[in-house]
Amino acid sequence: MLRIASCLAALCLLGAASAHAAPDDAAGDKQIHDYVLTMDKVKAYEAADANLQAAANSNAMLRNERWQMSREPDATPADLIAKFDRHPNIFIFYSKRGLSTADAALIPIALMSACSAAQSPALAQGMAGTVSPQQIEFCKANMSELQSMPILSTGD
């Protein structure tokens, strides 16, 4: 529960890119809303992210590319997907796990938003255009396992 509360606070601080698409990005909101979360995808994302972190810790060029990527626009899902397209040295870690650029961009947004909404009915109402009932149910059904994963930690 504490991690979910922390994620909720982080979503409020990070703004539209983390919680939903930009206010004028109806297509992005729909893309996040319609994204299908599965444990296989979430676990693949977690493994890819851990492998990327480990590689970046020992590779200055990769670490620099991650930094450069973090400085690029990310207000919409399209922006996030484009970041992975522009950084194949980063994306390769996700593609090796069977994830698409859309998966790599949308899993953290959809998961954090849905799990936050799962903990707060008031928040869920406000995010109805971005978070689907299926995503909320996914989080509720898998909450104990998800809470043990770094993806729901704000320490990254």
C-alpha atoms as a PDB file:
ATOM      1  CA  MET A   1       0.000   0.000   0.000  1.00  0.00           C
ATOM      2  CA  LEU A   2       2.866   2.366   0.805  1.00  0.00           C
ATOM      3  CA  ARG A   3       4.374   1.862  -2.657  1.00  0.00           C
ATOM      4  CA  ILE A   4       1.050   2.615  -4.287  1.00  0.00           C
ATOM      5  CA  ALA A   5       0.725   5.777  -2.205  1.00  0.00           C
ATOM      6  CA  SER A   6       4.262   6.735  -3.231  1.00  0.00           C
ATOM      7  CA  CYS A   7       3.409   6.116  -6.877  1.00  0.00           C
ATOM      8  CA  LEU A   8       0.298   8.232  -6.551  1.00  0.00           C
ATOM      9  CA  ALA A   9       2.398  11.082  -5.182  1.00  0.00           C
ATOM     10  CA  ALA A  10       4.956  10.609  -7.959  1.00  0.00           C
ATOM     11  CA  LEU A  11       2.218  10.689 -10.604  1.00  0.00           C
ATOM     12  CA  CYS A  12       0.977  13.993  -9.211  1.00  0.00           C
ATOM     13  CA  LEU A  13       4.504  15.432  -9.259  1.00  0.00           C
ATOM     14  CA  LEU A  14       5.484  14.135 -12.689  1.00  0.00           C
ATOM     15  CA  GLY A  15       2.384  15.418 -14.429  1.00  0.00           C
ATOM     16  CA  ALA A  16       0.772  14.403 -17.680  1.00  0.00           C
ATOM     17  CA  ALA A  17       3.555  12.283 -19.135  1.00  0.00           C
ATOM     18  CA  SER A  18       3.391   9.845 -16.235  1.00  0.00           C
ATOM     19  CA  ALA A  19      -0.300   9.806 -15.465  1.00  0.00           C
ATOM     20  CA  HIS A  20      -1.818  10.294 -18.900  1.00  0.00           C
ATOM     21  CA  ALA A  21      -1.258  11.872 -22.239  1.00  0.00           C
ATOM     22  CA  ALA A  22      -1.142  15.642 -22.712  1.00  0.00           C
ATOM     23  CA  PRO A  23      -4.517  17.379 -22.290  1.00  0.00           C
ATOM     24  CA  ASP A  24      -4.951  17.754 -26.040  1.00  0.00           C
ATOM     25  CA  ASP A  25      -3.799  14.223 -26.859  1.00  0.00           C
ATOM     26  CA  ALA A  26      -7.013  12.225 -27.096  1.00  0.00           C
ATOM     27  CA  ALA A  27      -5.254   9.606 -29.230  1.00  0.00           C
ATOM     28  CA  GLY A  28      -2.590   9.186 -26.554  1.00  0.00           C
ATOM     29  CA  ASP A  29      -5.181   8.884 -23.798  1.00  0.00           C
ATOM     30  CA  LYS A  30      -6.941   6.195 -25.825  1.00  0.00           C
ATOM     31  CA  GLN A  31      -3.673   4.378 -26.471  1.00  0.00           C
ATOM     32  CA  ILE A  32      -2.922   4.226 -22.735  1.00  0.00           C
ATOM     33  CA  HIS A  33      -6.537   3.311 -21.901  1.00  0.00           C
ATOM     34  CA  ASP A  34      -6.606   0.484 -24.432  1.00  0.00           C
ATOM     35  CA  TYR A  35      -3.207  -0.953 -23.519  1.00  0.00           C
ATOM     36  CA  VAL A  36      -3.545  -4.544 -22.285  1.00  0.00           C
ATOM     37  CA  LEU A  37      -1.480  -5.258 -19.177  1.00  0.00           C
ATOM     38  CA  THR A  38      -0.312  -8.825 -18.560  1.00  0.00           C
ATOM     39  CA  MET A  39       2.056 -10.240 -15.978  1.00  0.00           C
ATOM     40  CA  ASP A  40       4.204 -11.665 -18.763  1.00  0.00           C
ATOM     41  CA  LYS A  41       4.678  -8.174 -20.217  1.00  0.00           C
ATOM     42  CA  VAL A  42       5.282  -6.578 -16.821  1.00  0.00           C
ATOM     43  CA  LYS A  43       7.858  -9.249 -15.910  1.00  0.00           C
ATOM     44  CA  ALA A  44       9.549  -8.846 -19.305  1.00  0.00           C
ATOM     45  CA  TYR A  45       9.698  -5.075 -18.746  1.00  0.00           C
ATOM     46  CA  GLU A  46      11.160  -5.579 -15.269  1.00  0.00           C
ATOM     47  CA  ALA A  47      13.840  -7.954 -16.582  1.00  0.00           C
ATOM     48  CA  ALA A  48      14.716  -5.642 -19.481  1.00  0.00           C
ATOM     49  CA  ASP A  49      14.940  -2.648 -17.195  1.00  0.00           C
ATOM     50  CA  ALA A  50      17.167  -4.527 -14.725  1.00  0.00           C
ATOM     51  CA  ASN A  51      19.444  -5.677 -17.558  1.00  0.00           C
ATOM     52  CA  LEU A  52      19.631  -2.137 -18.928  1.00  0.00           C
ATOM     53  CA  GLN A  53      20.483  -0.733 -15.487  1.00  0.00           C
ATOM     54  CA  ALA A  54      23.217  -3.317 -14.973  1.00  0.00           C
ATOM     55  CA  ALA A  55      24.691  -2.656 -18.414  1.00  0.00           C
ATOM     56  CA  ALA A  56      24.562   1.117 -17.945  1.00  0.00           C
ATOM     57  CA  ASN A  57      26.353   0.801 -14.620  1.00  0.00           C
ATOM     58  CA  SER A  58      29.380  -0.625 -16.414  1.00  0.00           C
ATOM     59  CA  ASN A  59      29.115   1.160 -19.775  1.00  0.00           C
ATOM     60  CA  ALA A  60      29.568   4.932 -19.824  1.00  0.00           C
ATOM     61  CA  MET A  61      28.329   5.255 -23.409  1.00  0.00           C
ATOM     62  CA  LEU A  62      25.066   3.459 -22.568  1.00  0.00           C
ATOM     63  CA  ARG A  63      24.715   5.459 -19.352  1.00  0.00           C
ATOM     64  CA  ASN A  64      25.128   8.680 -21.364  1.00  0.00           C
ATOM     65  CA  GLU A  65      22.540   7.560 -23.901  1.00  0.00           C
ATOM     66  CA  ARG A  66      20.057   6.872 -21.094  1.00  0.00           C
ATOM     67  CA  TRP A  67      20.715  10.368 -19.761  1.00  0.00           C
ATOM     68  CA  GLN A  68      20.237  11.902 -23.214  1.00  0.00           C
ATOM     69  CA  MET A  69      17.015   9.936 -23.652  1.00  0.00           C
ATOM     70  CA  SER A  70      15.708  11.195 -20.319  1.00  0.00           C
ATOM     71  CA  ARG A  71      16.159  14.798 -21.503  1.00  0.00           C
ATOM     72  CA  GLU A  72      13.940  14.371 -24.590  1.00  0.00           C
ATOM     73  CA  PRO A  73      10.254  15.347 -24.790  1.00  0.00           C
ATOM     74  CA  ASP A  74       7.860  12.871 -23.210  1.00  0.00           C
ATOM     75  CA  ALA A  75       4.508  14.652 -22.956  1.00  0.00           C
ATOM     76  CA  THR A  76       2.632  12.079 -25.046  1.00  0.00           C
ATOM     77  CA  PRO A  77       2.765   8.338 -25.664  1.00  0.00           C
ATOM     78  CA  ALA A  78       3.940   9.137 -29.200  1.00  0.00           C
ATOM     79  CA  ASP A  79       6.860  11.106 -27.723  1.00  0.00           C
ATOM     80  CA  LEU A  80       7.781   8.184 -25.466  1.00  0.00           C
ATOM     81  CA  ILE A  81       7.599   5.642 -28.281  1.00  0.00           C
ATOM     82  CA  ALA A  82       9.698   7.917 -30.506  1.00  0.00           C
ATOM     83  CA  LYS A  83      12.367   8.061 -27.789  1.00  0.00           C
ATOM     84  CA  PHE A  84      12.783   4.292 -28.021  1.00  0.00           C
ATOM     85  CA  ASP A  85      12.858   4.513 -31.824  1.00  0.00           C
ATOM     86  CA  ARG A  86      15.681   7.097 -31.609  1.00  0.00           C
ATOM     87  CA  HIS A  87      17.662   5.034 -29.095  1.00  0.00           C
ATOM     88  CA  PRO A  88      18.070   1.500 -30.445  1.00  0.00           C
ATOM     89  CA  ASN A  89      20.922   0.828 -27.981  1.00  0.00           C
ATOM     90  CA  ILE A  90      18.384   1.293 -25.184  1.00  0.00           C
ATOM     91  CA  PHE A  91      15.447  -0.372 -26.911  1.00  0.00           C
ATOM     92  CA  ILE A  92      17.407  -3.549 -27.653  1.00  0.00           C
ATOM     93  CA  PHE A  93      17.128  -4.519 -23.983  1.00  0.00           C
ATOM     94  CA  TYR A  94      13.324  -4.467 -24.282  1.00  0.00           C
ATOM     95  CA  SER A  95      13.116  -6.062 -27.711  1.00  0.00           C
ATOM     96  CA  LYS A  96      15.242  -8.982 -26.477  1.00  0.00           C
ATOM     97  CA  ARG A  97      12.396  -9.655 -24.022  1.00  0.00           C
ATOM     98  CA  GLY A  98       9.798  -9.609 -26.794  1.00  0.00           C
ATOM     99  CA  LEU A  99       8.535  -6.097 -26.113  1.00  0.00           C
ATOM    100  CA  SER A 100       7.663  -3.511 -28.738  1.00  0.00           C
ATOM    101  CA  THR A 101       8.473   0.181 -28.499  1.00  0.00           C
ATOM    102  CA  ALA A 102       4.845   0.722 -27.465  1.00  0.00           C
ATOM    103  CA  ASP A 103       5.231  -1.873 -24.695  1.00  0.00           C
ATOM    104  CA  ALA A 104       8.436  -0.259 -23.437  1.00  0.00           C
ATOM    105  CA  ALA A 105       6.789   3.165 -23.379  1.00  0.00           C
ATOM    106  CA  LEU A 106       3.300   2.267 -22.147  1.00  0.00           C
ATOM    107  CA  ILE A 107       3.821  -0.459 -19.540  1.00  0.00           C
ATOM    108  CA  PRO A 108       5.087   1.863 -16.794  1.00  0.00           C
ATOM    109  CA  ILE A 109       2.465   4.539 -17.500  1.00  0.00           C
ATOM    110  CA  ALA A 110      -0.474   2.148 -17.747  1.00  0.00           C
ATOM    111  CA  LEU A 111       0.646   0.108 -14.745  1.00  0.00           C
ATOM    112  CA  MET A 112       1.366   2.997 -12.376  1.00  0.00           C
ATOM    113  CA  SER A 113      -1.804   4.813 -13.383  1.00  0.00           C
ATOM    114  CA  ALA A 114      -3.993   1.711 -13.092  1.00  0.00           C
ATOM    115  CA  CYS A 115      -2.542   0.616  -9.765  1.00  0.00           C
ATOM    116  CA  SER A 116      -2.957   4.114  -8.355  1.00  0.00           C
ATOM    117  CA  ALA A 117      -6.544   4.176  -9.598  1.00  0.00           C
ATOM    118  CA  ALA A 118      -7.115   0.718  -8.085  1.00  0.00           C
ATOM    119  CA  GLN A 119      -6.286   2.176  -4.670  1.00  0.00           C
ATOM    120  CA  SER A 120      -8.473   5.279  -5.019  1.00  0.00           C
ATOM    121  CA  PRO A 121     -12.000   5.227  -6.460  1.00  0.00           C
ATOM    122  CA  ALA A 122     -11.970   9.040  -6.665  1.00  0.00           C
ATOM    123  CA  LEU A 123      -8.768   8.962  -8.688  1.00  0.00           C
ATOM    124  CA  ALA A 124     -10.159   6.170 -10.862  1.00  0.00           C
ATOM    125  CA  GLN A 125     -13.142   8.364 -11.781  1.00  0.00           C
ATOM    126  CA  GLY A 126     -10.881  11.201 -12.813  1.00  0.00           C
ATOM    127  CA  MET A 127      -8.714   8.886 -14.908  1.00  0.00           C
ATOM    128  CA  ALA A 128     -11.547   7.024 -16.644  1.00  0.00           C
ATOM    129  CA  GLY A 129     -10.468   8.297 -20.065  1.00  0.00           C
ATOM    130  CA  THR A 130      -6.935   7.002 -19.562  1.00  0.00           C
ATOM    131  CA  VAL A 131      -7.282   3.958 -17.295  1.00  0.00           C
ATOM    132  CA  SER A 132      -9.562   1.078 -18.225  1.00  0.00           C
ATOM    133  CA  PRO A 133     -11.563  -1.070 -15.815  1.00  0.00           C
ATOM    134  CA  GLN A 134      -9.556  -4.063 -17.091  1.00  0.00           C
ATOM    135  CA  GLN A 135      -6.275  -2.367 -16.126  1.00  0.00           C
ATOM    136  CA  ILE A 136      -7.628  -1.602 -12.652  1.00  0.00           C
ATOM    137  CA  GLU A 137      -8.789  -5.211 -12.243  1.00  0.00           C
ATOM    138  CA  PHE A 138      -5.363  -6.423 -13.396  1.00  0.00           C
ATOM    139  CA  CYS A 139      -3.742  -4.394 -10.624  1.00  0.00           C
ATOM    140  CA  LYS A 140      -6.209  -5.565  -7.994  1.00  0.00           C
ATOM    141  CA  ALA A 141      -5.768  -9.210  -8.998  1.00  0.00           C
ATOM    142  CA  ASN A 142      -1.965  -8.993  -9.026  1.00  0.00           C
ATOM    143  CA  MET A 143      -1.341  -6.360  -6.350  1.00  0.00           C
ATOM    144  CA  SER A 144       0.744  -8.481  -3.987  1.00  0.00           C
ATOM    145  CA  GLU A 145       3.134  -9.535  -6.754  1.00  0.00           C
ATOM    146  CA  LEU A 146       3.229  -6.084  -8.342  1.00  0.00           C
ATOM    147  CA  GLN A 147       4.084  -4.409  -5.031  1.00  0.00           C
ATOM    148  CA  SER A 148       7.260  -6.470  -4.848  1.00  0.00           C
ATOM    149  CA  MET A 149       8.456  -5.174  -8.228  1.00  0.00           C
ATOM    150  CA  PRO A 150      10.718  -2.159  -8.744  1.00  0.00           C
ATOM    151  CA  ILE A 151       8.382  -0.772 -11.424  1.00  0.00           C
ATOM    152  CA  LEU A 152       6.027   0.368  -8.654  1.00  0.00           C
ATOM    153  CA  SER A 153       8.855   1.827  -6.613  1.00  0.00           C
ATOM    154  CA  THR A 154       9.632   5.519  -6.912  1.00  0.00           C
ATOM    155  CA  GLY A 155      13.274   4.943  -6.023  1.00  0.00           C
ATOM    156  CA  ASP A 156      14.408   4.524  -9.658  1.00  0.00           C
END
